[in-house]
């Protein structure tokens, strides 16, 4: 795989993150496969399918209105998967088991594995 191809895949991952941060469901619809699988391994979050992913995003934005996925601290590409280190953060508007209590500012160091097929995200797996 060429360095240009790796860079393009990384930029595709950044576009997904940007749309997630902005709650831009139109952009996500273009970037994410209908049958995407989203899992946060140690936080009890799992969704299969774009509609459930969107519902999860909406629920998280209600629980953490100021939530954001931060800048990339380190990344690599293997095959069709982008490995991306970042910081997720937000202030809990309610008690959220596995994340934080009402009013608490939560900050997680996260490793994301984002796998693409035919230019669309098919799996997003977070650890952290």
N, C-alpha and C. Protein backbone atom coordinates (compact mmCIF):
# COMPACT_ATOMS: atom_id res chain seq x y z
N UNK A 1 0.84 -1.17 0.00
CA UNK A 1 0.00 0.00 0.00
C UNK A 1 0.89 1.24 0.00
N UNK A 2 0.59 2.18 -0.88
CA UNK A 2 1.42 3.38 -1.00
C UNK A 2 1.14 4.34 0.15
N UNK A 3 2.08 5.24 0.38
CA UNK A 3 1.89 6.25 1.42
C UNK A 3 0.71 7.16 1.09
N UNK A 4 0.49 7.44 -0.20
CA UNK A 4 -0.66 8.26 -0.60
C UNK A 4 -1.98 7.57 -0.23
N UNK A 5 -2.05 6.26 -0.47
CA UNK A 5 -3.25 5.51 -0.15
C UNK A 5 -3.49 5.50 1.37
N UNK A 6 -2.43 5.34 2.14
CA UNK A 6 -2.56 5.38 3.60
C UNK A 6 -3.06 6.74 4.04
N UNK A 7 -2.52 7.80 3.46
CA UNK A 7 -2.93 9.16 3.82
C UNK A 7 -4.41 9.37 3.47
N UNK A 8 -4.83 8.88 2.31
CA UNK A 8 -6.24 9.02 1.90
C UNK A 8 -7.17 8.30 2.89
N UNK A 9 -6.78 7.11 3.32
CA UNK A 9 -7.59 6.36 4.28
C UNK A 9 -7.65 7.08 5.62
N UNK A 10 -6.52 7.62 6.05
CA UNK A 10 -6.49 8.39 7.29
C UNK A 10 -7.39 9.62 7.18
N UNK A 11 -7.35 10.31 6.07
CA UNK A 11 -8.20 11.48 5.87
C UNK A 11 -9.68 11.10 5.85
N UNK A 12 -9.99 9.93 5.35
CA UNK A 12 -11.37 9.43 5.37
C UNK A 12 -11.81 9.22 6.82
N UNK A 13 -10.93 8.66 7.64
CA UNK A 13 -11.24 8.47 9.07
C UNK A 13 -11.46 9.83 9.75
N UNK A 14 -10.62 10.81 9.42
CA UNK A 14 -10.79 12.14 10.00
C UNK A 14 -12.11 12.77 9.58
N UNK A 15 -12.55 12.50 8.36
CA UNK A 15 -13.84 13.03 7.90
C UNK A 15 -14.99 12.44 8.72
N UNK A 16 -14.90 11.15 9.04
CA UNK A 16 -15.92 10.52 9.87
C UNK A 16 -15.93 11.17 11.26
N UNK A 17 -14.76 11.35 11.84
CA UNK A 17 -14.66 11.95 13.17
C UNK A 17 -15.21 13.38 13.15
N UNK A 18 -14.86 14.13 12.13
CA UNK A 18 -15.35 15.51 12.02
C UNK A 18 -16.88 15.55 11.94
N UNK A 19 -17.45 14.68 11.12
CA UNK A 19 -18.92 14.63 10.99
C UNK A 19 -19.55 14.20 12.32
N UNK A 20 -18.93 13.26 13.02
CA UNK A 20 -19.42 12.83 14.34
C UNK A 20 -19.41 13.99 15.32
N UNK A 21 -18.30 14.74 15.35
CA UNK A 21 -18.20 15.89 16.26
C UNK A 21 -19.27 16.95 15.96
N UNK A 22 -19.58 17.15 14.69
CA UNK A 22 -20.55 18.18 14.28
C UNK A 22 -21.99 17.68 14.26
N UNK A 23 -22.19 16.38 14.55
CA UNK A 23 -23.51 15.76 14.44
C UNK A 23 -24.08 15.94 13.03
N UNK A 24 -23.22 15.78 12.04
CA UNK A 24 -23.61 15.93 10.64
C UNK A 24 -24.00 14.56 10.08
N UNK A 25 -25.27 14.21 10.25
CA UNK A 25 -25.73 12.89 9.85
C UNK A 25 -25.77 12.72 8.33
N UNK A 26 -25.94 13.81 7.59
CA UNK A 26 -25.89 13.72 6.13
C UNK A 26 -24.50 13.30 5.67
N UNK A 27 -23.48 13.94 6.22
CA UNK A 27 -22.10 13.56 5.88
C UNK A 27 -21.81 12.13 6.31
N UNK A 28 -22.25 11.76 7.51
CA UNK A 28 -22.03 10.39 7.99
C UNK A 28 -22.72 9.37 7.10
N UNK A 29 -23.89 9.70 6.61
CA UNK A 29 -24.61 8.78 5.71
C UNK A 29 -23.77 8.46 4.48
N UNK A 30 -23.00 9.43 4.01
CA UNK A 30 -22.13 9.23 2.85
C UNK A 30 -20.86 8.46 3.19
N UNK A 31 -20.41 8.58 4.43
CA UNK A 31 -19.12 8.02 4.84
C UNK A 31 -19.21 6.64 5.49
N UNK A 32 -20.40 6.28 5.97
CA UNK A 32 -20.56 5.09 6.82
C UNK A 32 -21.44 4.06 6.11
N UNK A 33 -21.00 2.82 6.13
CA UNK A 33 -21.75 1.72 5.54
C UNK A 33 -23.05 1.48 6.32
N UNK A 34 -24.07 1.08 5.62
CA UNK A 34 -25.38 0.81 6.21
C UNK A 34 -25.31 -0.22 7.34
N UNK A 35 -24.37 -1.17 7.23
CA UNK A 35 -24.24 -2.25 8.22
C UNK A 35 -23.04 -2.08 9.15
N UNK A 36 -22.62 -0.85 9.36
CA UNK A 36 -21.45 -0.57 10.19
C UNK A 36 -21.61 -1.19 11.58
N UNK A 37 -20.49 -1.61 12.15
CA UNK A 37 -20.46 -2.11 13.52
C UNK A 37 -19.62 -1.15 14.35
N UNK A 38 -20.22 -0.63 15.43
CA UNK A 38 -19.55 0.33 16.31
C UNK A 38 -19.52 -0.26 17.71
N UNK A 39 -18.32 -0.31 18.31
CA UNK A 39 -18.16 -0.88 19.64
C UNK A 39 -17.15 -0.05 20.43
N UNK A 40 -17.49 0.27 21.66
CA UNK A 40 -16.51 0.81 22.61
C UNK A 40 -16.27 -0.31 23.60
N UNK A 41 -15.17 -1.01 23.42
CA UNK A 41 -14.93 -2.30 24.07
C UNK A 41 -15.15 -2.34 25.57
N UNK A 42 -14.68 -1.35 26.29
CA UNK A 42 -14.78 -1.44 27.74
C UNK A 42 -15.72 -0.40 28.34
N UNK A 43 -16.68 0.08 27.54
CA UNK A 43 -17.62 1.09 28.02
C UNK A 43 -19.08 0.69 27.82
N UNK A 44 -19.33 -0.50 27.33
CA UNK A 44 -20.70 -0.97 27.19
C UNK A 44 -21.48 -0.35 26.04
N UNK A 45 -20.77 0.16 25.04
CA UNK A 45 -21.42 0.76 23.88
C UNK A 45 -21.24 -0.17 22.69
N UNK A 46 -22.33 -0.53 22.04
CA UNK A 46 -22.26 -1.37 20.85
C UNK A 46 -23.48 -1.10 19.98
N UNK A 47 -23.25 -0.99 18.68
CA UNK A 47 -24.35 -0.77 17.74
C UNK A 47 -23.99 -1.41 16.42
N UNK A 48 -24.95 -2.08 15.82
CA UNK A 48 -24.74 -2.65 14.49
C UNK A 48 -25.76 -2.02 13.57
N UNK A 49 -25.26 -1.39 12.53
CA UNK A 49 -26.13 -0.70 11.57
C UNK A 49 -26.04 0.81 11.74
N UNK A 50 -26.13 1.51 10.63
CA UNK A 50 -25.99 2.97 10.63
C UNK A 50 -27.06 3.65 11.48
N UNK A 51 -28.30 3.18 11.42
CA UNK A 51 -29.36 3.80 12.21
C UNK A 51 -29.09 3.69 13.70
N UNK A 52 -28.61 2.54 14.16
CA UNK A 52 -28.27 2.38 15.58
C UNK A 52 -27.05 3.22 15.94
N UNK A 53 -26.11 3.34 15.00
CA UNK A 53 -24.96 4.21 15.23
C UNK A 53 -25.44 5.64 15.45
N UNK A 54 -26.34 6.11 14.59
CA UNK A 54 -26.86 7.47 14.72
C UNK A 54 -27.60 7.65 16.04
N UNK A 55 -28.37 6.65 16.44
CA UNK A 55 -29.09 6.72 17.71
C UNK A 55 -28.10 6.81 18.86
N UNK A 56 -27.02 6.04 18.80
CA UNK A 56 -25.98 6.07 19.82
C UNK A 56 -25.33 7.45 19.88
N UNK A 57 -25.05 8.03 18.73
CA UNK A 57 -24.46 9.37 18.68
C UNK A 57 -25.41 10.39 19.31
N UNK A 58 -26.68 10.30 18.98
CA UNK A 58 -27.67 11.22 19.56
C UNK A 58 -27.76 11.05 21.08
N UNK A 59 -27.77 9.81 21.54
CA UNK A 59 -27.82 9.56 22.98
C UNK A 59 -26.59 10.11 23.69
N UNK A 60 -25.41 9.93 23.09
CA UNK A 60 -24.18 10.44 23.68
C UNK A 60 -24.17 11.96 23.68
N UNK A 61 -24.74 12.59 22.66
CA UNK A 61 -24.75 14.05 22.62
C UNK A 61 -25.72 14.63 23.66
N UNK A 62 -26.75 13.87 24.03
CA UNK A 62 -27.64 14.30 25.11
C UNK A 62 -26.94 14.12 26.46
N UNK A 63 -26.24 13.02 26.62
CA UNK A 63 -25.55 12.74 27.87
C UNK A 63 -24.31 13.63 28.05
N UNK A 64 -23.65 13.96 26.95
CA UNK A 64 -22.45 14.80 26.96
C UNK A 64 -22.59 15.87 25.87
N UNK A 65 -23.34 16.94 26.13
CA UNK A 65 -23.61 17.94 25.08
C UNK A 65 -22.34 18.57 24.48
N UNK A 66 -21.27 18.62 25.25
CA UNK A 66 -20.03 19.23 24.74
C UNK A 66 -19.00 18.19 24.33
N UNK A 67 -19.44 16.95 24.11
CA UNK A 67 -18.50 15.86 23.81
C UNK A 67 -17.76 16.12 22.51
N UNK A 68 -16.53 15.64 22.46
CA UNK A 68 -15.75 15.78 21.23
C UNK A 68 -14.67 14.71 21.19
N UNK A 69 -14.33 14.34 19.98
CA UNK A 69 -13.18 13.49 19.73
C UNK A 69 -12.08 14.43 19.29
N UNK A 70 -10.95 14.37 19.97
CA UNK A 70 -9.89 15.33 19.75
C UNK A 70 -8.98 15.03 18.57
N UNK A 71 -7.92 15.82 18.53
CA UNK A 71 -6.92 15.69 17.49
C UNK A 71 -6.21 14.33 17.59
N UNK A 72 -5.67 13.90 16.51
CA UNK A 72 -4.91 12.65 16.46
C UNK A 72 -3.55 12.87 17.11
N UNK A 73 -3.19 11.97 18.02
CA UNK A 73 -1.86 12.04 18.62
C UNK A 73 -0.87 11.09 17.94
N UNK A 74 -1.41 10.01 17.37
CA UNK A 74 -0.57 9.04 16.65
C UNK A 74 -1.48 8.20 15.78
N UNK A 75 -1.02 7.79 14.60
CA UNK A 75 -1.85 6.96 13.74
C UNK A 75 -0.99 6.07 12.86
N UNK A 76 -1.65 5.01 12.38
CA UNK A 76 -1.02 4.07 11.44
C UNK A 76 -2.14 3.43 10.63
N UNK A 77 -1.75 2.86 9.50
CA UNK A 77 -2.71 2.16 8.64
C UNK A 77 -2.16 0.78 8.36
N UNK A 78 -3.03 -0.22 8.48
CA UNK A 78 -2.70 -1.59 8.10
C UNK A 78 -3.86 -2.12 7.28
N UNK A 79 -3.60 -2.46 6.03
CA UNK A 79 -4.68 -2.91 5.16
C UNK A 79 -5.70 -1.81 4.99
N UNK A 80 -6.96 -2.09 5.35
CA UNK A 80 -8.04 -1.10 5.26
C UNK A 80 -8.41 -0.52 6.61
N UNK A 81 -7.54 -0.69 7.60
CA UNK A 81 -7.84 -0.22 8.95
C UNK A 81 -6.91 0.91 9.36
N UNK A 82 -7.52 1.97 9.87
CA UNK A 82 -6.78 3.09 10.45
C UNK A 82 -6.76 2.90 11.96
N UNK A 83 -5.57 2.96 12.55
CA UNK A 83 -5.38 2.93 13.99
C UNK A 83 -5.10 4.37 14.41
N UNK A 84 -5.93 4.91 15.29
CA UNK A 84 -5.84 6.33 15.61
C UNK A 84 -5.94 6.54 17.11
N UNK A 85 -4.91 7.18 17.70
CA UNK A 85 -4.94 7.55 19.12
C UNK A 85 -5.46 8.97 19.23
N UNK A 86 -6.29 9.20 20.25
CA UNK A 86 -6.89 10.52 20.44
C UNK A 86 -7.37 10.63 21.88
N UNK A 87 -8.01 11.75 22.19
CA UNK A 87 -8.65 11.95 23.48
C UNK A 87 -10.11 12.28 23.22
N UNK A 88 -11.00 11.52 23.87
CA UNK A 88 -12.44 11.82 23.86
C UNK A 88 -12.73 12.53 25.16
N UNK A 89 -13.56 13.57 25.10
CA UNK A 89 -13.91 14.25 26.34
C UNK A 89 -15.28 14.88 26.26
N UNK A 90 -15.85 15.10 27.43
CA UNK A 90 -17.14 15.76 27.53
C UNK A 90 -17.57 15.85 28.98
N UNK A 91 -18.53 16.71 29.24
CA UNK A 91 -19.07 16.90 30.58
C UNK A 91 -20.42 16.21 30.67
N UNK A 92 -20.56 15.32 31.64
CA UNK A 92 -21.78 14.53 31.76
C UNK A 92 -22.95 15.41 32.20
N UNK A 93 -24.04 15.38 31.44
CA UNK A 93 -25.27 16.09 31.78
C UNK A 93 -26.16 15.22 32.68
N UNK A 94 -25.77 13.97 32.82
CA UNK A 94 -26.50 13.00 33.65
C UNK A 94 -25.51 11.92 34.04
N UNK A 95 -25.89 11.08 34.98
CA UNK A 95 -25.03 9.94 35.32
C UNK A 95 -25.00 8.99 34.13
N UNK A 96 -23.80 8.63 33.70
CA UNK A 96 -23.63 7.70 32.58
C UNK A 96 -22.70 6.58 33.05
N UNK A 97 -23.27 5.41 33.38
CA UNK A 97 -22.44 4.30 33.86
C UNK A 97 -21.29 3.99 32.90
N UNK A 98 -20.12 3.82 33.48
CA UNK A 98 -18.94 3.51 32.68
C UNK A 98 -18.23 4.73 32.15
N UNK A 99 -18.85 5.93 32.31
CA UNK A 99 -18.24 7.16 31.82
C UNK A 99 -18.07 8.19 32.93
N UNK A 100 -19.19 8.59 33.60
CA UNK A 100 -19.06 9.61 34.63
C UNK A 100 -20.39 9.98 35.24
N UNK A 101 -20.32 10.80 36.29
CA UNK A 101 -21.51 11.27 37.01
C UNK A 101 -21.87 12.68 36.53
N UNK A 102 -23.11 13.07 36.78
CA UNK A 102 -23.61 14.38 36.39
C UNK A 102 -22.63 15.48 36.79
N UNK A 103 -22.29 16.34 35.83
CA UNK A 103 -21.40 17.47 36.07
C UNK A 103 -19.92 17.15 35.98
N UNK A 104 -19.58 15.88 35.92
CA UNK A 104 -18.17 15.47 35.86
C UNK A 104 -17.62 15.64 34.45
N UNK A 105 -16.44 16.25 34.36
CA UNK A 105 -15.77 16.33 33.06
C UNK A 105 -14.99 15.03 32.86
N UNK A 106 -15.33 14.31 31.83
CA UNK A 106 -14.73 13.00 31.56
C UNK A 106 -13.74 13.14 30.42
N UNK A 107 -12.65 12.45 30.54
CA UNK A 107 -11.60 12.49 29.52
C UNK A 107 -11.02 11.10 29.39
N UNK A 108 -11.04 10.56 28.17
CA UNK A 108 -10.55 9.21 27.93
C UNK A 108 -9.48 9.22 26.84
N UNK A 109 -8.36 8.59 27.11
CA UNK A 109 -7.40 8.32 26.05
C UNK A 109 -7.94 7.13 25.29
N UNK A 110 -8.08 7.28 23.98
CA UNK A 110 -8.77 6.26 23.18
C UNK A 110 -7.90 5.84 22.00
N UNK A 111 -7.93 4.55 21.73
CA UNK A 111 -7.39 4.00 20.49
C UNK A 111 -8.58 3.55 19.66
N UNK A 112 -8.71 4.10 18.47
CA UNK A 112 -9.79 3.73 17.56
C UNK A 112 -9.23 2.90 16.42
N UNK A 113 -9.93 1.83 16.08
CA UNK A 113 -9.66 1.05 14.88
C UNK A 113 -10.84 1.30 13.95
N UNK A 114 -10.56 1.91 12.81
CA UNK A 114 -11.61 2.28 11.87
C UNK A 114 -11.33 1.57 10.55
N UNK A 115 -12.19 0.62 10.20
CA UNK A 115 -11.99 -0.20 9.01
C UNK A 115 -12.95 0.26 7.91
N UNK A 116 -12.40 0.38 6.71
CA UNK A 116 -13.15 0.86 5.55
C UNK A 116 -13.23 -0.21 4.46
N UNK A 117 -14.33 -0.21 3.75
CA UNK A 117 -14.51 -1.06 2.58
C UNK A 117 -15.23 -0.22 1.53
N UNK A 118 -14.66 -0.19 0.34
CA UNK A 118 -15.23 0.60 -0.75
C UNK A 118 -15.45 2.05 -0.33
N UNK A 119 -14.52 2.59 0.47
CA UNK A 119 -14.58 3.98 0.87
C UNK A 119 -15.52 4.30 2.02
N UNK A 120 -16.19 3.30 2.57
CA UNK A 120 -17.13 3.55 3.66
C UNK A 120 -16.67 2.83 4.94
N UNK A 121 -16.94 3.47 6.06
CA UNK A 121 -16.61 2.88 7.36
C UNK A 121 -17.50 1.66 7.61
N UNK A 122 -16.88 0.51 7.87
CA UNK A 122 -17.64 -0.71 8.16
C UNK A 122 -17.48 -1.16 9.61
N UNK A 123 -16.42 -0.69 10.27
CA UNK A 123 -16.23 -1.04 11.68
C UNK A 123 -15.49 0.10 12.38
N UNK A 124 -15.98 0.47 13.56
CA UNK A 124 -15.34 1.48 14.40
C UNK A 124 -15.27 0.87 15.80
N UNK A 125 -14.09 0.52 16.22
CA UNK A 125 -13.89 -0.15 17.50
C UNK A 125 -12.97 0.71 18.35
N UNK A 126 -13.46 1.17 19.51
CA UNK A 126 -12.68 2.00 20.41
C UNK A 126 -12.25 1.22 21.64
N UNK A 127 -11.06 1.53 22.11
CA UNK A 127 -10.52 1.00 23.36
C UNK A 127 -10.08 2.19 24.19
N UNK A 128 -10.50 2.24 25.43
CA UNK A 128 -10.05 3.33 26.29
C UNK A 128 -11.08 3.71 27.30
